[in-house]
């Protein structure tokens, strides 16, 4: 395997330091339908998705993170509360979708990203 070492990337107009690309980019993301039989619409670095309960999902990464301390911003289209749930690992995270009243609920549109260092 070859290694390319550069300090900056440019498209001829804009230039960005490679550190921003390496450290600031989502290393995994998913957009899925969380109702009925869950279905991934599109994703990157996601190997599978498990629906473990009403509003509860486990997202498995194809390539693991270096540790479980990555950031995982997420949202649903219905303004529900979606947060990390249970024990996260370098290779997966579990999410729970709740209404503003606190009840577990499925959502048609769920998006999750994970930002951190891959192993």
N, C-alpha and C. Protein backbone atom coordinates (compact mmCIF):
# COMPACT_ATOMS: atom_id res chain seq x y z
N UNK A 1 0.84 -1.17 0.00
CA UNK A 1 0.00 0.00 0.00
C UNK A 1 0.89 1.24 0.00
N UNK A 2 0.51 2.24 -0.76
CA UNK A 2 1.25 3.48 -0.83
C UNK A 2 0.65 4.51 0.10
N UNK A 3 1.48 5.42 0.55
CA UNK A 3 1.03 6.50 1.41
C UNK A 3 1.30 7.82 0.72
N UNK A 4 0.31 8.68 0.73
CA UNK A 4 0.42 10.01 0.16
C UNK A 4 0.47 11.00 1.31
N UNK A 5 1.54 11.76 1.44
CA UNK A 5 1.70 12.73 2.52
C UNK A 5 1.60 14.13 1.96
N UNK A 6 0.53 14.83 2.32
CA UNK A 6 0.35 16.22 1.89
C UNK A 6 -0.17 17.04 3.06
N UNK A 7 0.15 18.33 3.06
CA UNK A 7 -0.30 19.22 4.13
C UNK A 7 -1.65 19.84 3.84
N UNK A 8 -1.92 20.07 2.56
CA UNK A 8 -3.15 20.75 2.14
C UNK A 8 -3.75 20.07 0.92
N UNK A 9 -5.06 20.23 0.78
CA UNK A 9 -5.77 19.78 -0.41
C UNK A 9 -6.39 21.00 -1.06
N UNK A 10 -6.40 21.03 -2.38
CA UNK A 10 -6.95 22.19 -3.08
C UNK A 10 -7.71 21.73 -4.31
N UNK A 11 -8.82 22.45 -4.60
CA UNK A 11 -9.55 22.21 -5.83
C UNK A 11 -9.23 23.27 -6.87
N UNK A 12 -8.19 24.06 -6.63
CA UNK A 12 -7.80 25.14 -7.53
C UNK A 12 -8.34 26.49 -7.09
N UNK A 13 -9.36 26.48 -6.24
CA UNK A 13 -9.94 27.72 -5.72
C UNK A 13 -9.80 27.77 -4.20
N UNK A 14 -10.22 26.71 -3.55
CA UNK A 14 -10.18 26.64 -2.09
C UNK A 14 -9.13 25.64 -1.65
N UNK A 15 -8.49 25.93 -0.52
CA UNK A 15 -7.49 25.05 0.05
C UNK A 15 -7.86 24.75 1.50
N UNK A 16 -7.68 23.50 1.90
CA UNK A 16 -7.96 23.09 3.27
C UNK A 16 -6.83 22.19 3.76
N UNK A 17 -6.46 22.35 5.03
CA UNK A 17 -5.44 21.50 5.62
C UNK A 17 -5.97 20.08 5.72
N UNK A 18 -5.12 19.09 5.47
CA UNK A 18 -5.56 17.70 5.51
C UNK A 18 -6.01 17.29 6.90
N UNK A 19 -5.53 17.95 7.95
CA UNK A 19 -5.97 17.64 9.31
C UNK A 19 -7.47 17.83 9.48
N UNK A 20 -8.04 18.84 8.81
CA UNK A 20 -9.49 19.04 8.88
C UNK A 20 -10.24 17.89 8.23
N UNK A 21 -9.70 17.39 7.15
CA UNK A 21 -10.35 16.27 6.45
C UNK A 21 -10.26 15.00 7.28
N UNK A 22 -9.10 14.73 7.82
CA UNK A 22 -8.89 13.51 8.59
C UNK A 22 -9.62 13.55 9.92
N UNK A 23 -9.52 14.65 10.65
CA UNK A 23 -10.07 14.72 12.01
C UNK A 23 -11.50 15.22 12.07
N UNK A 24 -11.95 15.99 11.10
CA UNK A 24 -13.26 16.60 11.20
C UNK A 24 -14.35 15.96 10.37
N UNK A 25 -14.05 14.91 9.68
CA UNK A 25 -15.04 14.27 8.82
C UNK A 25 -15.75 13.13 9.54
N UNK A 26 -17.01 12.94 9.19
CA UNK A 26 -17.74 11.79 9.74
C UNK A 26 -17.09 10.51 9.24
N UNK A 27 -16.79 9.62 10.16
CA UNK A 27 -16.18 8.34 9.80
C UNK A 27 -17.24 7.27 9.58
N UNK A 28 -18.48 7.59 9.96
CA UNK A 28 -19.61 6.70 9.72
C UNK A 28 -20.88 7.54 9.78
N UNK A 29 -21.86 7.17 8.96
CA UNK A 29 -23.17 7.83 9.03
C UNK A 29 -24.21 6.91 8.43
N UNK A 30 -25.47 7.15 8.84
CA UNK A 30 -26.57 6.34 8.33
C UNK A 30 -27.85 7.16 8.31
N UNK A 31 -28.67 6.91 7.32
CA UNK A 31 -30.03 7.45 7.21
C UNK A 31 -30.92 6.23 7.06
N UNK A 32 -31.87 6.06 8.01
CA UNK A 32 -32.70 4.86 7.94
C UNK A 32 -34.14 5.11 8.35
N UNK A 33 -35.01 4.20 7.93
CA UNK A 33 -36.41 4.16 8.34
C UNK A 33 -36.48 3.29 9.58
N UNK A 34 -36.87 3.88 10.70
CA UNK A 34 -36.91 3.15 11.96
C UNK A 34 -38.26 2.57 12.31
N UNK A 35 -39.15 2.45 11.33
CA UNK A 35 -40.47 1.89 11.60
C UNK A 35 -40.58 0.50 10.97
N UNK A 36 -41.43 -0.35 11.55
CA UNK A 36 -41.63 -1.69 10.98
C UNK A 36 -40.31 -2.44 10.92
N UNK A 37 -40.03 -3.01 9.77
CA UNK A 37 -38.73 -3.63 9.54
C UNK A 37 -37.76 -2.52 9.17
N UNK A 38 -36.81 -2.22 10.04
CA UNK A 38 -35.91 -1.09 9.79
C UNK A 38 -35.17 -1.29 8.48
N UNK A 39 -34.97 -0.17 7.78
CA UNK A 39 -34.33 -0.24 6.47
C UNK A 39 -33.37 0.92 6.30
N UNK A 40 -32.12 0.61 5.98
CA UNK A 40 -31.12 1.64 5.72
C UNK A 40 -31.37 2.22 4.34
N UNK A 41 -31.52 3.54 4.27
CA UNK A 41 -31.67 4.22 2.98
C UNK A 41 -30.31 4.45 2.33
N UNK A 42 -29.36 4.90 3.14
CA UNK A 42 -28.01 5.16 2.65
C UNK A 42 -27.09 5.19 3.86
N UNK A 43 -25.83 4.87 3.65
CA UNK A 43 -24.91 4.84 4.79
C UNK A 43 -23.47 4.83 4.32
N UNK A 44 -22.59 5.04 5.27
CA UNK A 44 -21.15 4.92 5.06
C UNK A 44 -20.55 4.29 6.30
N UNK A 45 -19.78 3.24 6.15
CA UNK A 45 -19.10 2.52 7.23
C UNK A 45 -20.09 1.91 8.23
N UNK A 46 -21.25 1.51 7.75
CA UNK A 46 -22.24 0.84 8.58
C UNK A 46 -22.41 -0.58 8.06
N UNK A 47 -22.21 -1.58 8.94
CA UNK A 47 -22.33 -2.97 8.50
C UNK A 47 -23.74 -3.50 8.68
N UNK A 48 -24.43 -3.04 9.74
CA UNK A 48 -25.79 -3.51 9.97
C UNK A 48 -26.50 -2.61 10.97
N UNK A 49 -27.81 -2.79 11.03
CA UNK A 49 -28.67 -2.02 11.92
C UNK A 49 -29.62 -3.00 12.59
N UNK A 50 -29.75 -2.91 13.90
CA UNK A 50 -30.62 -3.81 14.66
C UNK A 50 -31.71 -2.99 15.34
N UNK A 51 -32.95 -3.40 15.18
CA UNK A 51 -34.09 -2.80 15.87
C UNK A 51 -34.35 -3.66 17.09
N UNK A 52 -33.91 -3.21 18.29
CA UNK A 52 -34.02 -4.07 19.46
C UNK A 52 -35.25 -3.80 20.32
N UNK A 53 -35.99 -2.72 20.03
CA UNK A 53 -37.18 -2.40 20.82
C UNK A 53 -37.87 -1.22 20.14
N UNK A 54 -39.04 -0.86 20.59
CA UNK A 54 -39.70 0.33 20.05
C UNK A 54 -38.77 1.52 20.26
N UNK A 55 -38.38 2.16 19.18
CA UNK A 55 -37.50 3.32 19.25
C UNK A 55 -36.06 3.02 19.59
N UNK A 56 -35.69 1.75 19.71
CA UNK A 56 -34.33 1.37 20.07
C UNK A 56 -33.59 0.73 18.92
N UNK A 57 -32.41 1.25 18.62
CA UNK A 57 -31.64 0.77 17.47
C UNK A 57 -30.17 0.60 17.87
N UNK A 58 -29.54 -0.43 17.36
CA UNK A 58 -28.09 -0.59 17.48
C UNK A 58 -27.49 -0.48 16.10
N UNK A 59 -26.50 0.37 15.97
CA UNK A 59 -25.82 0.61 14.70
C UNK A 59 -24.43 0.00 14.80
N UNK A 60 -24.11 -0.90 13.88
CA UNK A 60 -22.81 -1.58 13.87
C UNK A 60 -21.95 -1.00 12.76
N UNK A 61 -20.69 -0.69 13.11
CA UNK A 61 -19.75 -0.11 12.16
C UNK A 61 -19.00 -1.19 11.40
N UNK A 62 -18.73 -0.96 10.15
CA UNK A 62 -17.90 -1.86 9.36
C UNK A 62 -16.47 -1.81 9.87
N UNK A 63 -15.94 -0.61 10.04
CA UNK A 63 -14.59 -0.40 10.58
C UNK A 63 -14.74 0.27 11.95
N UNK A 64 -14.17 -0.33 12.97
CA UNK A 64 -14.32 0.16 14.34
C UNK A 64 -13.56 1.46 14.57
N UNK A 65 -14.01 2.19 15.58
CA UNK A 65 -13.31 3.38 16.03
C UNK A 65 -12.17 2.96 16.96
N UNK A 66 -11.25 3.86 17.23
CA UNK A 66 -10.12 3.56 18.10
C UNK A 66 -10.54 3.33 19.54
N UNK A 67 -11.69 3.91 19.94
CA UNK A 67 -12.23 3.73 21.28
C UNK A 67 -13.71 4.12 21.25
N UNK A 68 -14.38 4.09 22.37
CA UNK A 68 -15.82 4.38 22.41
C UNK A 68 -16.12 5.85 22.67
N UNK A 69 -15.12 6.72 22.59
CA UNK A 69 -15.29 8.13 22.91
C UNK A 69 -15.51 9.02 21.69
N UNK A 70 -16.11 8.50 20.64
CA UNK A 70 -16.42 9.28 19.44
C UNK A 70 -17.70 10.07 19.67
N UNK A 71 -17.91 11.09 18.86
CA UNK A 71 -19.14 11.89 18.94
C UNK A 71 -20.16 11.28 17.99
N UNK A 72 -21.43 11.35 18.36
CA UNK A 72 -22.47 10.79 17.49
C UNK A 72 -23.69 11.70 17.44
N UNK A 73 -23.59 12.81 16.72
CA UNK A 73 -24.78 13.64 16.56
C UNK A 73 -25.86 12.88 15.80
N UNK A 74 -27.11 13.08 16.19
CA UNK A 74 -28.20 12.35 15.56
C UNK A 74 -29.47 13.18 15.59
N UNK A 75 -30.43 12.80 14.76
CA UNK A 75 -31.71 13.50 14.76
C UNK A 75 -32.78 12.66 14.08
N UNK A 76 -34.01 13.00 14.37
CA UNK A 76 -35.13 12.41 13.65
C UNK A 76 -35.93 13.56 13.06
N UNK A 77 -36.72 13.28 12.09
CA UNK A 77 -37.48 14.33 11.42
C UNK A 77 -38.65 14.83 12.27
N UNK A 78 -39.06 14.06 13.26
CA UNK A 78 -40.25 14.41 14.04
C UNK A 78 -39.93 15.14 15.34
N UNK A 79 -38.72 15.70 15.49
CA UNK A 79 -38.30 16.41 16.69
C UNK A 79 -38.34 15.55 17.94
N UNK A 80 -38.07 14.28 17.80
CA UNK A 80 -37.99 13.40 18.96
C UNK A 80 -36.61 13.51 19.58
N UNK A 81 -36.48 13.03 20.79
CA UNK A 81 -35.20 13.01 21.48
C UNK A 81 -34.52 11.70 21.11
N UNK A 82 -33.33 11.77 20.57
CA UNK A 82 -32.59 10.58 20.19
C UNK A 82 -31.24 10.66 20.86
N UNK A 83 -30.93 9.71 21.73
CA UNK A 83 -29.67 9.78 22.45
C UNK A 83 -29.01 8.43 22.57
N UNK A 84 -27.73 8.46 22.94
CA UNK A 84 -27.02 7.22 23.16
C UNK A 84 -27.67 6.48 24.31
N UNK A 85 -27.67 5.18 24.20
CA UNK A 85 -28.36 4.35 25.18
C UNK A 85 -27.49 3.14 25.47
N UNK A 86 -27.30 2.82 26.72
CA UNK A 86 -26.55 1.62 27.06
C UNK A 86 -25.06 1.81 26.85
N UNK A 87 -24.37 0.72 26.67
CA UNK A 87 -22.93 0.74 26.53
C UNK A 87 -22.56 0.86 25.06
N UNK A 88 -21.80 1.91 24.75
CA UNK A 88 -21.31 2.03 23.39
C UNK A 88 -19.93 1.41 23.33
N UNK A 89 -19.61 0.90 22.19
CA UNK A 89 -18.30 0.28 22.00
C UNK A 89 -17.64 0.92 20.80
N UNK A 90 -16.41 0.54 20.54
CA UNK A 90 -15.71 1.05 19.37
C UNK A 90 -16.35 0.54 18.08
N UNK A 91 -17.11 -0.55 18.16
CA UNK A 91 -17.67 -1.14 16.94
C UNK A 91 -19.18 -0.96 16.79
N UNK A 92 -19.85 -0.36 17.79
CA UNK A 92 -21.30 -0.15 17.66
C UNK A 92 -21.77 0.90 18.65
N UNK A 93 -22.96 1.43 18.39
CA UNK A 93 -23.62 2.30 19.35
C UNK A 93 -25.11 2.00 19.33
N UNK A 94 -25.73 2.20 20.46
CA UNK A 94 -27.17 1.98 20.56
C UNK A 94 -27.84 3.33 20.79
N UNK A 95 -28.98 3.52 20.15
CA UNK A 95 -29.72 4.77 20.23
C UNK A 95 -31.13 4.48 20.70
N UNK A 96 -31.74 5.44 21.39
CA UNK A 96 -33.12 5.30 21.80
C UNK A 96 -33.87 6.57 21.39
N UNK A 97 -34.98 6.39 20.73
CA UNK A 97 -35.80 7.47 20.19
C UNK A 97 -37.02 7.65 21.10
N UNK A 98 -37.18 8.85 21.67
CA UNK A 98 -38.30 9.11 22.58
C UNK A 98 -39.03 10.39 22.17
N UNK A 99 -40.30 10.44 22.48
CA UNK A 99 -41.06 11.66 22.27
C UNK A 99 -40.65 12.68 23.32
N UNK A 100 -41.06 13.92 23.16
CA UNK A 100 -40.77 14.94 24.16
C UNK A 100 -41.35 14.58 25.52
N UNK A 101 -42.39 13.73 25.53
CA UNK A 101 -42.99 13.26 26.78
C UNK A 101 -42.25 12.10 27.41
N UNK A 102 -41.27 11.54 26.72
CA UNK A 102 -40.46 10.47 27.27
C UNK A 102 -40.81 9.07 26.83
N UNK A 103 -41.85 8.89 26.01
CA UNK A 103 -42.24 7.56 25.56
C UNK A 103 -41.38 7.11 24.38
N UNK A 104 -41.00 5.82 24.38
CA UNK A 104 -40.25 5.28 23.26
C UNK A 104 -41.13 5.28 22.02
N UNK A 105 -40.55 5.62 20.88
CA UNK A 105 -41.32 5.64 19.64
C UNK A 105 -40.41 5.42 18.44
N UNK A 106 -40.94 4.79 17.42
CA UNK A 106 -40.20 4.63 16.16
C UNK A 106 -40.33 5.90 15.35
N UNK A 107 -39.42 6.11 14.42
CA UNK A 107 -39.47 7.28 13.55
C UNK A 107 -39.17 6.85 12.13
N UNK A 108 -39.84 7.46 11.17
CA UNK A 108 -39.64 7.14 9.77
C UNK A 108 -38.27 7.60 9.28
N UNK A 109 -37.80 8.76 9.78
CA UNK A 109 -36.51 9.30 9.35
C UNK A 109 -35.58 9.44 10.54
N UNK A 110 -34.51 8.66 10.53
CA UNK A 110 -33.49 8.74 11.57
C UNK A 110 -32.14 8.89 10.89
N UNK A 111 -31.35 9.84 11.37
CA UNK A 111 -29.99 10.01 10.84
C UNK A 111 -29.01 10.05 12.01
N UNK A 112 -27.88 9.39 11.84
CA UNK A 112 -26.83 9.34 12.87
C UNK A 112 -25.50 9.45 12.15
N UNK A 113 -24.60 10.23 12.74
CA UNK A 113 -23.22 10.31 12.25
C UNK A 113 -22.29 9.96 13.40
N UNK A 114 -21.10 9.50 13.10
CA UNK A 114 -20.10 9.24 14.13
C UNK A 114 -18.79 9.88 13.69
N UNK A 115 -18.22 10.67 14.60
CA UNK A 115 -17.01 11.42 14.29
C UNK A 115 -15.97 11.07 15.35
N UNK A 116 -14.82 10.65 14.91
CA UNK A 116 -13.74 10.28 15.82
C UNK A 116 -12.65 9.59 15.03
N UNK A 117 -11.71 9.01 15.74
CA UNK A 117 -10.58 8.32 15.09
C UNK A 117 -10.89 6.85 14.91
N UNK A 118 -10.71 6.35 13.69
CA UNK A 118 -10.88 4.92 13.45
C UNK A 118 -9.67 4.17 13.99
N UNK A 119 -9.89 2.92 14.29
CA UNK A 119 -8.79 2.07 14.82
C UNK A 119 -7.73 1.87 13.76
